[in-house]
Amino acid sequence: MSAIRGSRGIIVTGTDTGVGKTVLSAMLALALDGWYWKPVQSGLEEETDTDAVIRMTGLPASRALPEAYRLTRPLSPDQSAAHDGVAIDPERLNPPRAGGALVIEGAGGLMVPLNDSLLQIDLFASWGFPVVLAARSGLGTLNHTLLSVEALRLRGVATCGIVMIGPENVGNRSSLERLAGVPVLGAIPPLPRIDRETLIAAYHNGILPVEQWRCMA
């Protein structure tokens, strides 16, 4: 996978929680030979997303930048922060400097609240980075994905496109290609295991090369 020179950053967000953002983020970190950052981690009892990206990609641990907030409960960021007795300050969520392209993974879906007055999508809009949207391939994805694309459009957030994750669904992909108004960049099928080798193979077999993404020009 070749690096994209001159890119500042790209945001990986999803239509929902558990949709596959971390796998897509790991794949893009490899594709961009980049750095990874998860601004807000909610839930610390199991492997964090940062730990998972380093494990899956085999990249040096230094390529994963420290989270701004590490919250203990696997809840929405505002609820997890309240449980921990803290409030999320957007001033602490300015993207850090990286040695190359920075892959930023959001928490949950676009409209999750970070605090009482800030939605995650509005934080993304303030950064000015383009977004790639991770979407399930199966039933229910059309509504969730089209609503997400519309929300990004209303806030003027540049959207690279959609990556569908899960078993192949030709009908849903065709509908999104026709209706979303942004490209379907490709698909990630179920993988026998998730590591550097399988991520690279899945990227080359199913994802439009990032060099061709209009948002990365």
N, C-alpha and C. Protein backbone atom coordinates (compact mmCIF):
# COMPACT_ATOMS: atom_id res chain seq x y z
N MET A 1 0.85 -1.18 0.00
CA MET A 1 0.00 0.00 0.00
C MET A 1 0.89 1.24 0.00
N SER A 2 0.52 2.20 -0.79
CA SER A 2 1.35 3.40 -0.90
C SER A 2 0.78 4.52 -0.05
N ALA A 3 1.65 5.40 0.40
CA ALA A 3 1.23 6.53 1.22
C ALA A 3 0.70 7.65 0.34
N ILE A 4 -0.22 8.42 0.88
CA ILE A 4 -0.71 9.63 0.24
C ILE A 4 0.03 10.80 0.84
N ARG A 5 0.87 11.42 0.07
CA ARG A 5 1.67 12.52 0.59
C ARG A 5 0.84 13.80 0.64
N GLY A 6 1.06 14.58 1.71
CA GLY A 6 0.41 15.87 1.81
C GLY A 6 -0.97 15.82 2.44
N SER A 7 -1.48 14.63 2.77
CA SER A 7 -2.78 14.53 3.41
C SER A 7 -2.63 14.89 4.88
N ARG A 8 -3.58 15.66 5.38
CA ARG A 8 -3.53 16.02 6.79
C ARG A 8 -4.25 14.98 7.65
N GLY A 9 -5.40 14.58 7.22
CA GLY A 9 -6.14 13.64 8.04
C GLY A 9 -7.42 13.20 7.37
N ILE A 10 -7.97 12.11 7.88
CA ILE A 10 -9.24 11.59 7.40
C ILE A 10 -9.97 11.01 8.60
N ILE A 11 -11.27 11.24 8.66
CA ILE A 11 -12.09 10.78 9.77
C ILE A 11 -12.84 9.52 9.35
N VAL A 12 -12.77 8.50 10.18
CA VAL A 12 -13.58 7.30 9.99
C VAL A 12 -14.74 7.36 10.97
N THR A 13 -15.95 7.40 10.44
CA THR A 13 -17.13 7.39 11.28
C THR A 13 -18.05 6.29 10.80
N GLY A 14 -19.13 6.06 11.53
CA GLY A 14 -20.00 4.95 11.18
C GLY A 14 -21.47 5.31 11.26
N THR A 15 -22.28 4.46 10.70
CA THR A 15 -23.71 4.63 10.77
C THR A 15 -24.26 4.21 12.12
N ASP A 16 -23.43 3.55 12.93
CA ASP A 16 -23.87 3.02 14.22
C ASP A 16 -22.63 2.55 14.97
N THR A 17 -22.82 2.14 16.21
CA THR A 17 -21.72 1.55 16.95
C THR A 17 -21.55 0.09 16.53
N GLY A 18 -20.33 -0.41 16.61
CA GLY A 18 -20.06 -1.80 16.28
C GLY A 18 -20.17 -2.15 14.82
N VAL A 19 -20.12 -1.15 13.95
CA VAL A 19 -20.33 -1.39 12.52
C VAL A 19 -19.05 -1.84 11.81
N GLY A 20 -17.89 -1.60 12.42
CA GLY A 20 -16.63 -1.99 11.80
C GLY A 20 -15.67 -0.84 11.57
N LYS A 21 -15.86 0.26 12.28
CA LYS A 21 -15.00 1.43 12.09
C LYS A 21 -13.54 1.13 12.40
N THR A 22 -13.31 0.33 13.44
CA THR A 22 -11.92 0.09 13.85
C THR A 22 -11.19 -0.73 12.80
N VAL A 23 -11.86 -1.72 12.22
CA VAL A 23 -11.24 -2.49 11.14
C VAL A 23 -10.94 -1.58 9.94
N LEU A 24 -11.89 -0.74 9.57
CA LEU A 24 -11.66 0.18 8.46
C LEU A 24 -10.54 1.16 8.80
N SER A 25 -10.49 1.65 10.03
CA SER A 25 -9.42 2.56 10.44
C SER A 25 -8.06 1.90 10.33
N ALA A 26 -7.98 0.64 10.77
CA ALA A 26 -6.72 -0.09 10.67
C ALA A 26 -6.31 -0.25 9.21
N MET A 27 -7.27 -0.57 8.36
CA MET A 27 -6.99 -0.73 6.94
C MET A 27 -6.47 0.57 6.33
N LEU A 28 -7.08 1.70 6.71
CA LEU A 28 -6.66 2.98 6.15
C LEU A 28 -5.31 3.41 6.72
N ALA A 29 -5.04 3.09 7.98
CA ALA A 29 -3.72 3.40 8.53
C ALA A 29 -2.63 2.69 7.73
N LEU A 30 -2.90 1.46 7.30
CA LEU A 30 -1.95 0.75 6.45
C LEU A 30 -1.90 1.36 5.05
N ALA A 31 -3.06 1.66 4.49
CA ALA A 31 -3.11 2.19 3.13
C ALA A 31 -2.39 3.53 3.02
N LEU A 32 -2.46 4.32 4.08
CA LEU A 32 -1.86 5.66 4.09
C LEU A 32 -0.47 5.67 4.71
N ASP A 33 -0.01 4.50 5.20
CA ASP A 33 1.22 4.44 5.97
C ASP A 33 1.19 5.54 7.03
N GLY A 34 0.06 5.59 7.75
CA GLY A 34 -0.22 6.75 8.57
C GLY A 34 -0.20 6.50 10.06
N TRP A 35 -0.79 7.44 10.76
CA TRP A 35 -0.93 7.44 12.21
C TRP A 35 -2.41 7.28 12.55
N TYR A 36 -2.69 6.82 13.75
CA TYR A 36 -4.06 6.57 14.18
C TYR A 36 -4.33 7.34 15.46
N TRP A 37 -5.57 7.88 15.55
CA TRP A 37 -5.96 8.59 16.77
C TRP A 37 -7.43 8.35 17.05
N LYS A 38 -7.73 7.93 18.25
CA LYS A 38 -9.11 7.78 18.75
C LYS A 38 -9.29 8.85 19.81
N PRO A 39 -9.98 9.96 19.51
CA PRO A 39 -10.07 11.05 20.48
C PRO A 39 -10.71 10.65 21.80
N VAL A 40 -11.83 9.89 21.72
CA VAL A 40 -12.56 9.53 22.93
C VAL A 40 -12.78 8.02 22.93
N GLN A 41 -12.21 7.35 23.92
CA GLN A 41 -12.40 5.92 24.11
C GLN A 41 -13.38 5.70 25.24
N SER A 42 -14.53 5.11 24.94
CA SER A 42 -15.52 4.78 25.97
C SER A 42 -15.51 3.27 26.20
N GLY A 43 -15.06 2.88 27.36
CA GLY A 43 -14.97 1.47 27.70
C GLY A 43 -13.53 1.00 27.75
N LEU A 44 -13.08 0.56 28.93
CA LEU A 44 -11.68 0.17 29.11
C LEU A 44 -11.53 -1.27 29.60
N GLU A 45 -12.64 -1.97 29.81
CA GLU A 45 -12.54 -3.32 30.37
C GLU A 45 -11.95 -4.31 29.38
N GLU A 46 -12.22 -4.12 28.09
CA GLU A 46 -11.67 -5.01 27.08
C GLU A 46 -10.58 -4.26 26.30
N GLU A 47 -10.10 -4.86 25.26
CA GLU A 47 -9.09 -4.23 24.42
C GLU A 47 -9.62 -2.90 23.86
N THR A 48 -8.84 -1.83 23.99
CA THR A 48 -9.28 -0.56 23.44
C THR A 48 -9.12 -0.57 21.92
N ASP A 49 -9.77 0.38 21.26
CA ASP A 49 -9.65 0.46 19.81
C ASP A 49 -8.22 0.77 19.39
N THR A 50 -7.53 1.60 20.17
CA THR A 50 -6.13 1.90 19.87
C THR A 50 -5.28 0.65 19.93
N ASP A 51 -5.46 -0.14 20.99
CA ASP A 51 -4.71 -1.40 21.11
C ASP A 51 -5.04 -2.33 19.94
N ALA A 52 -6.32 -2.37 19.55
CA ALA A 52 -6.73 -3.26 18.46
C ALA A 52 -6.09 -2.86 17.15
N VAL A 53 -6.01 -1.56 16.87
CA VAL A 53 -5.42 -1.11 15.61
C VAL A 53 -3.94 -1.49 15.54
N ILE A 54 -3.21 -1.30 16.64
CA ILE A 54 -1.80 -1.68 16.65
C ILE A 54 -1.65 -3.19 16.46
N ARG A 55 -2.50 -3.97 17.14
CA ARG A 55 -2.43 -5.43 16.99
C ARG A 55 -2.75 -5.86 15.56
N MET A 56 -3.80 -5.29 14.97
CA MET A 56 -4.23 -5.72 13.64
C MET A 56 -3.26 -5.30 12.55
N THR A 57 -2.67 -4.12 12.68
CA THR A 57 -1.82 -3.59 11.61
C THR A 57 -0.37 -4.00 11.73
N GLY A 58 0.08 -4.28 12.95
CA GLY A 58 1.50 -4.51 13.15
C GLY A 58 2.33 -3.25 13.07
N LEU A 59 1.69 -2.09 13.05
CA LEU A 59 2.42 -0.82 13.04
C LEU A 59 3.07 -0.60 14.40
N PRO A 60 4.14 0.20 14.45
CA PRO A 60 4.75 0.51 15.75
C PRO A 60 3.74 1.19 16.67
N ALA A 61 3.84 0.95 17.96
CA ALA A 61 2.92 1.55 18.92
C ALA A 61 2.96 3.07 18.85
N SER A 62 4.08 3.63 18.43
CA SER A 62 4.20 5.08 18.33
C SER A 62 3.30 5.67 17.25
N ARG A 63 2.79 4.83 16.34
CA ARG A 63 1.88 5.32 15.30
C ARG A 63 0.46 5.56 15.84
N ALA A 64 0.19 5.11 17.06
CA ALA A 64 -1.11 5.36 17.68
C ALA A 64 -0.94 6.46 18.72
N LEU A 65 -1.59 7.58 18.49
CA LEU A 65 -1.44 8.72 19.37
C LEU A 65 -2.40 8.59 20.57
N PRO A 66 -2.01 9.10 21.72
CA PRO A 66 -2.82 8.90 22.94
C PRO A 66 -4.22 9.52 22.81
N GLU A 67 -5.20 8.82 23.35
CA GLU A 67 -6.56 9.34 23.38
C GLU A 67 -6.62 10.60 24.25
N ALA A 68 -7.51 11.52 23.89
CA ALA A 68 -7.73 12.69 24.73
C ALA A 68 -8.50 12.32 25.99
N TYR A 69 -9.44 11.37 25.84
CA TYR A 69 -10.23 10.90 26.97
C TYR A 69 -10.29 9.37 26.93
N ARG A 70 -10.02 8.77 28.09
CA ARG A 70 -10.16 7.33 28.28
C ARG A 70 -11.23 7.14 29.35
N LEU A 71 -12.43 6.79 28.94
CA LEU A 71 -13.58 6.72 29.82
C LEU A 71 -13.90 5.25 30.12
N THR A 72 -14.29 4.96 31.34
CA THR A 72 -14.32 3.57 31.78
C THR A 72 -15.51 2.78 31.25
N ARG A 73 -16.66 3.38 31.10
CA ARG A 73 -17.87 2.63 30.76
C ARG A 73 -18.11 2.62 29.25
N PRO A 74 -18.59 1.50 28.68
CA PRO A 74 -18.91 1.43 27.25
C PRO A 74 -20.28 2.04 26.97
N LEU A 75 -20.36 3.36 27.15
CA LEU A 75 -21.58 4.13 26.97
C LEU A 75 -21.30 5.24 25.97
N SER A 76 -22.32 6.04 25.64
CA SER A 76 -22.07 7.22 24.83
C SER A 76 -21.06 8.10 25.57
N PRO A 77 -20.25 8.88 24.84
CA PRO A 77 -19.20 9.65 25.51
C PRO A 77 -19.70 10.55 26.63
N ASP A 78 -20.83 11.22 26.43
CA ASP A 78 -21.32 12.11 27.49
C ASP A 78 -21.70 11.33 28.73
N GLN A 79 -22.35 10.17 28.56
CA GLN A 79 -22.76 9.37 29.71
C GLN A 79 -21.56 8.73 30.41
N SER A 80 -20.61 8.25 29.62
CA SER A 80 -19.43 7.64 30.22
C SER A 80 -18.61 8.69 30.97
N ALA A 81 -18.52 9.90 30.40
CA ALA A 81 -17.80 10.98 31.07
C ALA A 81 -18.48 11.35 32.38
N ALA A 82 -19.82 11.44 32.35
CA ALA A 82 -20.55 11.77 33.58
C ALA A 82 -20.32 10.71 34.65
N HIS A 83 -20.29 9.45 34.25
CA HIS A 83 -20.02 8.38 35.21
C HIS A 83 -18.65 8.55 35.85
N ASP A 84 -17.68 9.00 35.06
CA ASP A 84 -16.32 9.17 35.57
C ASP A 84 -16.11 10.52 36.26
N GLY A 85 -17.15 11.35 36.27
CA GLY A 85 -17.04 12.63 36.95
C GLY A 85 -16.25 13.67 36.19
N VAL A 86 -16.25 13.56 34.87
CA VAL A 86 -15.55 14.55 34.04
C VAL A 86 -16.51 15.08 32.99
N ALA A 87 -16.15 16.19 32.39
CA ALA A 87 -16.89 16.75 31.25
C ALA A 87 -15.93 16.85 30.08
N ILE A 88 -16.38 16.45 28.91
CA ILE A 88 -15.52 16.48 27.73
C ILE A 88 -15.40 17.92 27.24
N ASP A 89 -14.19 18.41 27.20
CA ASP A 89 -13.88 19.76 26.76
C ASP A 89 -13.42 19.71 25.31
N PRO A 90 -14.16 20.35 24.39
CA PRO A 90 -13.76 20.28 22.98
C PRO A 90 -12.38 20.87 22.71
N GLU A 91 -11.88 21.73 23.59
CA GLU A 91 -10.54 22.28 23.40
C GLU A 91 -9.46 21.20 23.51
N ARG A 92 -9.80 20.11 24.19
CA ARG A 92 -8.84 18.99 24.30
C ARG A 92 -8.94 18.04 23.11
N LEU A 93 -9.87 18.31 22.21
CA LEU A 93 -10.11 17.40 21.09
C LEU A 93 -9.57 17.95 19.77
N ASN A 94 -8.64 18.90 19.84
CA ASN A 94 -7.99 19.34 18.61
C ASN A 94 -7.07 18.24 18.11
N PRO A 95 -7.16 17.87 16.83
CA PRO A 95 -6.31 16.78 16.32
C PRO A 95 -4.83 17.06 16.57
N PRO A 96 -4.12 16.06 17.05
CA PRO A 96 -2.69 16.25 17.32
C PRO A 96 -1.87 16.23 16.03
N ARG A 97 -0.67 16.70 16.14
CA ARG A 97 0.26 16.63 15.01
C ARG A 97 0.73 15.19 14.84
N ALA A 98 0.89 14.80 13.59
CA ALA A 98 1.38 13.45 13.29
C ALA A 98 2.47 13.56 12.25
N GLY A 99 3.22 12.48 12.09
CA GLY A 99 4.32 12.49 11.14
C GLY A 99 3.90 12.22 9.71
N GLY A 100 2.59 12.13 9.48
CA GLY A 100 2.05 11.86 8.14
C GLY A 100 0.54 11.91 8.22
N ALA A 101 -0.10 11.17 7.36
CA ALA A 101 -1.56 11.15 7.34
C ALA A 101 -2.10 10.62 8.67
N LEU A 102 -3.12 11.30 9.19
CA LEU A 102 -3.71 10.93 10.47
C LEU A 102 -5.10 10.35 10.24
N VAL A 103 -5.30 9.11 10.66
CA VAL A 103 -6.61 8.45 10.59
C VAL A 103 -7.27 8.63 11.95
N ILE A 104 -8.41 9.32 11.97
CA ILE A 104 -9.12 9.63 13.21
C ILE A 104 -10.39 8.78 13.26
N GLU A 105 -10.54 8.00 14.31
CA GLU A 105 -11.74 7.18 14.45
C GLU A 105 -12.68 7.78 15.48
N GLY A 106 -13.91 8.06 15.07
CA GLY A 106 -14.90 8.59 15.98
C GLY A 106 -15.45 7.52 16.91
N ALA A 107 -16.29 7.97 17.84
CA ALA A 107 -16.93 7.08 18.81
C ALA A 107 -18.38 6.87 18.40
N GLY A 108 -18.76 5.62 18.11
CA GLY A 108 -20.14 5.37 17.74
C GLY A 108 -20.51 6.05 16.43
N GLY A 109 -21.75 6.51 16.35
CA GLY A 109 -22.25 7.16 15.15
C GLY A 109 -22.06 8.67 15.18
N LEU A 110 -22.51 9.30 14.12
CA LEU A 110 -22.28 10.73 13.94
C LEU A 110 -22.95 11.59 15.00
N MET A 111 -24.17 11.22 15.40
CA MET A 111 -24.97 12.11 16.23
C MET A 111 -24.83 11.84 17.72
N VAL A 112 -23.84 11.07 18.14
CA VAL A 112 -23.68 10.84 19.57
C VAL A 112 -23.22 12.12 20.25
N PRO A 113 -23.75 12.41 21.44
CA PRO A 113 -23.33 13.61 22.17
C PRO A 113 -22.01 13.39 22.88
N LEU A 114 -21.15 14.41 22.80
CA LEU A 114 -19.90 14.40 23.55
C LEU A 114 -20.06 15.07 24.91
N ASN A 115 -20.91 16.08 24.95
CA ASN A 115 -21.29 16.72 26.22
C ASN A 115 -22.70 17.27 26.04
N ASP A 116 -23.13 18.14 26.92
CA ASP A 116 -24.51 18.61 26.88
C ASP A 116 -24.81 19.49 25.67
N SER A 117 -23.79 19.99 24.99
CA SER A 117 -24.04 20.94 23.90
C SER A 117 -23.33 20.60 22.60
N LEU A 118 -22.57 19.52 22.55
CA LEU A 118 -21.76 19.23 21.38
C LEU A 118 -22.00 17.81 20.88
N LEU A 119 -22.43 17.70 19.62
CA LEU A 119 -22.54 16.41 18.96
C LEU A 119 -21.23 16.11 18.24
N GLN A 120 -20.94 14.82 18.09
CA GLN A 120 -19.70 14.45 17.43
C GLN A 120 -19.62 14.99 16.00
N ILE A 121 -20.72 14.98 15.27
CA ILE A 121 -20.71 15.45 13.89
C ILE A 121 -20.31 16.92 13.81
N ASP A 122 -20.69 17.71 14.81
CA ASP A 122 -20.33 19.13 14.79
C ASP A 122 -18.85 19.32 15.10
N LEU A 123 -18.28 18.45 15.92
CA LEU A 123 -16.83 18.47 16.12
C LEU A 123 -16.12 18.15 14.81
N PHE A 124 -16.60 17.13 14.11
CA PHE A 124 -16.00 16.79 12.81
C PHE A 124 -16.07 17.97 11.85
N ALA A 125 -17.20 18.65 11.80
CA ALA A 125 -17.35 19.79 10.90
C ALA A 125 -16.34 20.88 11.24
N SER A 126 -16.05 21.06 12.51
CA SER A 126 -15.11 22.12 12.91
C SER A 126 -13.68 21.81 12.50
N TRP A 127 -13.35 20.52 12.37
CA TRP A 127 -11.98 20.14 12.01
C TRP A 127 -11.69 20.37 10.53
N GLY A 128 -12.68 20.20 9.68
CA GLY A 128 -12.46 20.39 8.26
C GLY A 128 -11.82 19.23 7.54
N PHE A 129 -11.71 18.05 8.18
CA PHE A 129 -11.16 16.88 7.52
C PHE A 129 -12.27 16.13 6.78
N PRO A 130 -11.95 15.44 5.71
CA PRO A 130 -12.96 14.62 5.03
C PRO A 130 -13.29 13.38 5.83
N VAL A 131 -14.47 12.83 5.56
CA VAL A 131 -14.99 11.69 6.29
C VAL A 131 -15.17 10.50 5.35
N VAL A 132 -14.87 9.31 5.84
CA VAL A 132 -15.29 8.08 5.16
C VAL A 132 -16.25 7.37 6.11
N LEU A 133 -17.36 6.90 5.56
CA LEU A 133 -18.46 6.38 6.35
C LEU A 133 -18.49 4.85 6.28
N ALA A 134 -18.35 4.20 7.44
CA ALA A 134 -18.46 2.76 7.53
C ALA A 134 -19.93 2.39 7.70
N ALA A 135 -20.43 1.47 6.87
CA ALA A 135 -21.84 1.10 6.90
C ALA A 135 -21.98 -0.41 6.85
N ARG A 136 -22.92 -0.95 7.59
CA ARG A 136 -23.23 -2.37 7.48
C ARG A 136 -23.73 -2.68 6.07
N SER A 137 -23.52 -3.91 5.66
CA SER A 137 -23.98 -4.31 4.33
C SER A 137 -25.43 -4.79 4.34
N GLY A 138 -25.93 -5.20 5.50
CA GLY A 138 -27.20 -5.92 5.56
C GLY A 138 -28.42 -5.06 5.79
N LEU A 139 -29.48 -5.71 6.22
CA LEU A 139 -30.79 -5.08 6.40
C LEU A 139 -30.71 -3.91 7.37
N GLY A 140 -31.33 -2.80 7.00
CA GLY A 140 -31.34 -1.60 7.82
C GLY A 140 -30.31 -0.58 7.42
N THR A 141 -29.36 -0.97 6.59
CA THR A 141 -28.27 -0.05 6.27
C THR A 141 -28.71 1.11 5.41
N LEU A 142 -29.73 0.93 4.58
CA LEU A 142 -30.12 2.02 3.67
C LEU A 142 -30.57 3.24 4.45
N ASN A 143 -31.47 3.05 5.41
CA ASN A 143 -31.95 4.17 6.20
C ASN A 143 -30.82 4.82 6.98
N HIS A 144 -30.03 4.01 7.69
CA HIS A 144 -28.98 4.56 8.54
C HIS A 144 -27.92 5.27 7.70
N THR A 145 -27.57 4.69 6.58
CA THR A 145 -26.51 5.28 5.76
C THR A 145 -26.97 6.55 5.07
N LEU A 146 -28.16 6.54 4.51
CA LEU A 146 -28.66 7.73 3.83
C LEU A 146 -28.87 8.88 4.81
N LEU A 147 -29.35 8.58 6.01
CA LEU A 147 -29.49 9.62 7.02
C LEU A 147 -28.13 10.19 7.42
N SER A 148 -27.14 9.33 7.55
CA SER A 148 -25.80 9.80 7.91
C SER A 148 -25.21 10.69 6.83
N VAL A 149 -25.35 10.27 5.57
CA VAL A 149 -24.83 11.07 4.47
C VAL A 149 -25.54 12.43 4.43
N GLU A 150 -26.85 12.43 4.66
CA GLU A 150 -27.60 13.68 4.64
C GLU A 150 -27.15 14.60 5.77
N ALA A 151 -26.91 14.05 6.96
CA ALA A 151 -26.45 14.87 8.08
C ALA A 151 -25.09 15.49 7.77
N LEU A 152 -24.19 14.72 7.18
CA LEU A 152 -22.88 15.27 6.80
C LEU A 152 -23.02 16.36 5.75
N ARG A 153 -23.91 16.14 4.80
CA ARG A 153 -24.12 17.13 3.74
C ARG A 153 -24.66 18.44 4.31
N LEU A 154 -25.61 18.36 5.23
CA LEU A 154 -26.21 19.56 5.81
C LEU A 154 -25.20 20.39 6.58
N ARG A 155 -24.18 19.74 7.12
CA ARG A 155 -23.15 20.46 7.88
C ARG A 155 -21.93 20.81 7.04
N GLY A 156 -21.99 20.51 5.77
CA GLY A 156 -20.89 20.88 4.87
C GLY A 156 -19.63 20.07 5.07
N VAL A 157 -19.78 18.84 5.59
CA VAL A 157 -18.61 17.99 5.81
C VAL A 157 -18.30 17.22 4.53
N ALA A 158 -17.09 17.35 4.02
CA ALA A 158 -16.69 16.63 2.82
C ALA A 158 -16.70 15.13 3.11
N THR A 159 -17.40 14.37 2.27
CA THR A 159 -17.52 12.93 2.47
C THR A 159 -16.86 12.20 1.32
N CYS A 160 -15.82 11.44 1.64
CA CYS A 160 -15.13 10.67 0.61
C CYS A 160 -16.07 9.63 0.00
N GLY A 161 -16.84 8.96 0.85
CA GLY A 161 -17.73 7.93 0.37
C GLY A 161 -18.00 6.92 1.46
N ILE A 162 -18.54 5.81 1.03
CA ILE A 162 -19.04 4.76 1.93
C ILE A 162 -18.22 3.49 1.71
N VAL A 163 -17.90 2.81 2.80
CA VAL A 163 -17.34 1.47 2.74
C VAL A 163 -18.33 0.54 3.43
N MET A 164 -18.81 -0.46 2.72
CA MET A 164 -19.77 -1.41 3.25
C MET A 164 -19.03 -2.57 3.91
N ILE A 165 -19.51 -2.98 5.07
CA ILE A 165 -18.81 -3.98 5.86
C ILE A 165 -19.75 -5.12 6.21
N GLY A 166 -19.36 -6.33 5.83
CA GLY A 166 -20.17 -7.50 6.11
C GLY A 166 -20.38 -8.34 4.86
N PRO A 167 -21.24 -9.34 4.93
CA PRO A 167 -21.49 -10.20 3.76
C PRO A 167 -21.99 -9.39 2.58
N GLU A 168 -21.61 -9.81 1.39
CA GLU A 168 -21.99 -9.08 0.18
C GLU A 168 -23.50 -8.95 0.06
N ASN A 169 -23.96 -7.75 -0.24
CA ASN A 169 -25.38 -7.50 -0.48
C ASN A 169 -25.48 -6.60 -1.70
N VAL A 170 -25.66 -7.22 -2.85
CA VAL A 170 -25.64 -6.50 -4.12
C VAL A 170 -26.77 -5.47 -4.18
N GLY A 171 -27.95 -5.84 -3.67
CA GLY A 171 -29.07 -4.92 -3.73
C GLY A 171 -28.84 -3.66 -2.93
N ASN A 172 -28.34 -3.80 -1.70
CA ASN A 172 -28.09 -2.62 -0.88
C ASN A 172 -26.98 -1.75 -1.46
N ARG A 173 -25.94 -2.39 -1.99
CA ARG A 173 -24.87 -1.60 -2.60
C ARG A 173 -25.40 -0.82 -3.80
N SER A 174 -26.20 -1.46 -4.63
CA SER A 174 -26.76 -0.79 -5.80
C SER A 174 -27.63 0.39 -5.38
N SER A 175 -28.43 0.21 -4.33
CA SER A 175 -29.29 1.30 -3.87
C SER A 175 -28.48 2.49 -3.37
N LEU A 176 -27.41 2.21 -2.62
CA LEU A 176 -26.58 3.30 -2.12
C LEU A 176 -25.83 3.99 -3.25
N GLU A 177 -25.37 3.24 -4.21
CA GLU A 177 -24.70 3.85 -5.36
C GLU A 177 -25.65 4.77 -6.11
N ARG A 178 -26.92 4.43 -6.11
CA ARG A 178 -27.91 5.22 -6.85
C ARG A 178 -28.41 6.42 -6.05
N LEU A 179 -28.50 6.28 -4.73
CA LEU A 179 -29.22 7.26 -3.93
C LEU A 179 -28.36 8.14 -3.03
N ALA A 180 -27.17 7.69 -2.65
CA ALA A 180 -26.44 8.39 -1.60
C ALA A 180 -25.84 9.71 -2.05
N GLY A 181 -25.49 9.82 -3.32
CA GLY A 181 -24.86 11.05 -3.79
C GLY A 181 -23.39 11.14 -3.48
N VAL A 182 -22.83 10.10 -2.86
CA VAL A 182 -21.39 9.97 -2.64
C VAL A 182 -20.99 8.57 -3.09
N PRO A 183 -19.73 8.34 -3.44
CA PRO A 183 -19.35 7.03 -3.96
C PRO A 183 -19.40 5.92 -2.91
N VAL A 184 -19.71 4.73 -3.35
CA VAL A 184 -19.42 3.53 -2.56
C VAL A 184 -17.99 3.13 -2.91
N LEU A 185 -17.09 3.30 -1.97
CA LEU A 185 -15.66 3.12 -2.23
C LEU A 185 -15.25 1.66 -2.27
N GLY A 186 -16.11 0.80 -1.74
CA GLY A 186 -15.79 -0.62 -1.75
C GLY A 186 -16.44 -1.32 -0.58
N ALA A 187 -15.95 -2.51 -0.31
CA ALA A 187 -16.56 -3.35 0.71
C ALA A 187 -15.49 -4.18 1.41
N ILE A 188 -15.74 -4.45 2.68
CA ILE A 188 -14.91 -5.36 3.47
C ILE A 188 -15.77 -6.56 3.84
N PRO A 189 -15.46 -7.74 3.31
CA PRO A 189 -16.26 -8.93 3.64
C PRO A 189 -15.85 -9.48 4.99
N PRO A 190 -16.60 -10.43 5.53
CA PRO A 190 -16.12 -11.13 6.73
C PRO A 190 -14.75 -11.75 6.45
N LEU A 191 -13.82 -11.58 7.39
CA LEU A 191 -12.45 -12.06 7.20
C LEU A 191 -12.19 -13.26 8.10
N PRO A 192 -11.41 -14.24 7.61
CA PRO A 192 -11.13 -15.42 8.43
C PRO A 192 -10.36 -15.06 9.70
N ARG A 193 -9.57 -14.03 9.63
CA ARG A 193 -8.87 -13.46 10.78
C ARG A 193 -8.58 -12.00 10.39
N ILE A 194 -8.25 -11.19 11.36
CA ILE A 194 -7.98 -9.78 11.06
C ILE A 194 -6.57 -9.47 11.51
N ASP A 195 -5.68 -9.35 10.54
CA ASP A 195 -4.30 -8.98 10.81
C ASP A 195 -3.77 -8.23 9.60
N ARG A 196 -2.51 -7.86 9.65
CA ARG A 196 -1.93 -7.05 8.59
C ARG A 196 -2.11 -7.68 7.22
N GLU A 197 -1.87 -8.99 7.13
CA GLU A 197 -1.95 -9.68 5.85
C GLU A 197 -3.37 -9.65 5.28
N THR A 198 -4.35 -9.98 6.12
CA THR A 198 -5.72 -10.03 5.60
C THR A 198 -6.26 -8.64 5.32
N LEU A 199 -5.85 -7.63 6.10
CA LEU A 199 -6.30 -6.26 5.84
C LEU A 199 -5.76 -5.75 4.51
N ILE A 200 -4.49 -6.02 4.24
CA ILE A 200 -3.90 -5.58 2.97
C ILE A 200 -4.60 -6.28 1.81
N ALA A 201 -4.83 -7.59 1.95
CA ALA A 201 -5.49 -8.33 0.87
C ALA A 201 -6.91 -7.83 0.65
N ALA A 202 -7.65 -7.58 1.73
CA ALA A 202 -9.03 -7.11 1.59
C ALA A 202 -9.07 -5.73 0.97
N TYR A 203 -8.11 -4.89 1.32
CA TYR A 203 -8.04 -3.55 0.71
C TYR A 203 -7.84 -3.67 -0.79
N HIS A 204 -6.86 -4.44 -1.20
CA HIS A 204 -6.56 -4.54 -2.63
C HIS A 204 -7.68 -5.23 -3.40
N ASN A 205 -8.40 -6.12 -2.74
CA ASN A 205 -9.45 -6.87 -3.44
C ASN A 205 -10.79 -6.17 -3.46
N GLY A 206 -11.00 -5.21 -2.55
CA GLY A 206 -12.36 -4.69 -2.44
C GLY A 206 -12.54 -3.20 -2.31
N ILE A 207 -11.44 -2.45 -2.13
CA ILE A 207 -11.56 -1.01 -1.87
C ILE A 207 -10.89 -0.24 -3.00
N LEU A 208 -11.58 0.79 -3.49
CA LEU A 208 -10.97 1.68 -4.48
C LEU A 208 -9.70 2.28 -3.89
N PRO A 209 -8.57 2.25 -4.60
CA PRO A 209 -7.33 2.81 -4.03
C PRO A 209 -7.51 4.25 -3.57
N VAL A 210 -6.98 4.55 -2.40
CA VAL A 210 -7.17 5.89 -1.84
C VAL A 210 -6.63 6.99 -2.75
N GLU A 211 -5.67 6.63 -3.59
CA GLU A 211 -5.15 7.62 -4.53
C GLU A 211 -6.25 8.14 -5.47
N GLN A 212 -7.31 7.37 -5.61
CA GLN A 212 -8.40 7.75 -6.52
C GLN A 212 -9.58 8.39 -5.79
N TRP A 213 -9.51 8.48 -4.50
CA TRP A 213 -10.61 9.11 -3.76
C TRP A 213 -10.59 10.60 -4.02
N ARG A 214 -11.69 11.15 -4.47
CA ARG A 214 -11.74 12.58 -4.81
C ARG A 214 -11.41 13.45 -3.61
N CYS A 215 -11.81 13.02 -2.43
CA CYS A 215 -11.60 13.82 -1.23
C CYS A 215 -10.13 13.92 -0.86
N MET A 216 -9.31 13.02 -1.36
CA MET A 216 -7.90 13.00 -1.01
C MET A 216 -7.04 13.77 -2.00
N ALA A 217 -7.67 14.38 -2.99
CA ALA A 217 -6.91 15.11 -4.01
C ALA A 217 -6.22 16.33 -3.42
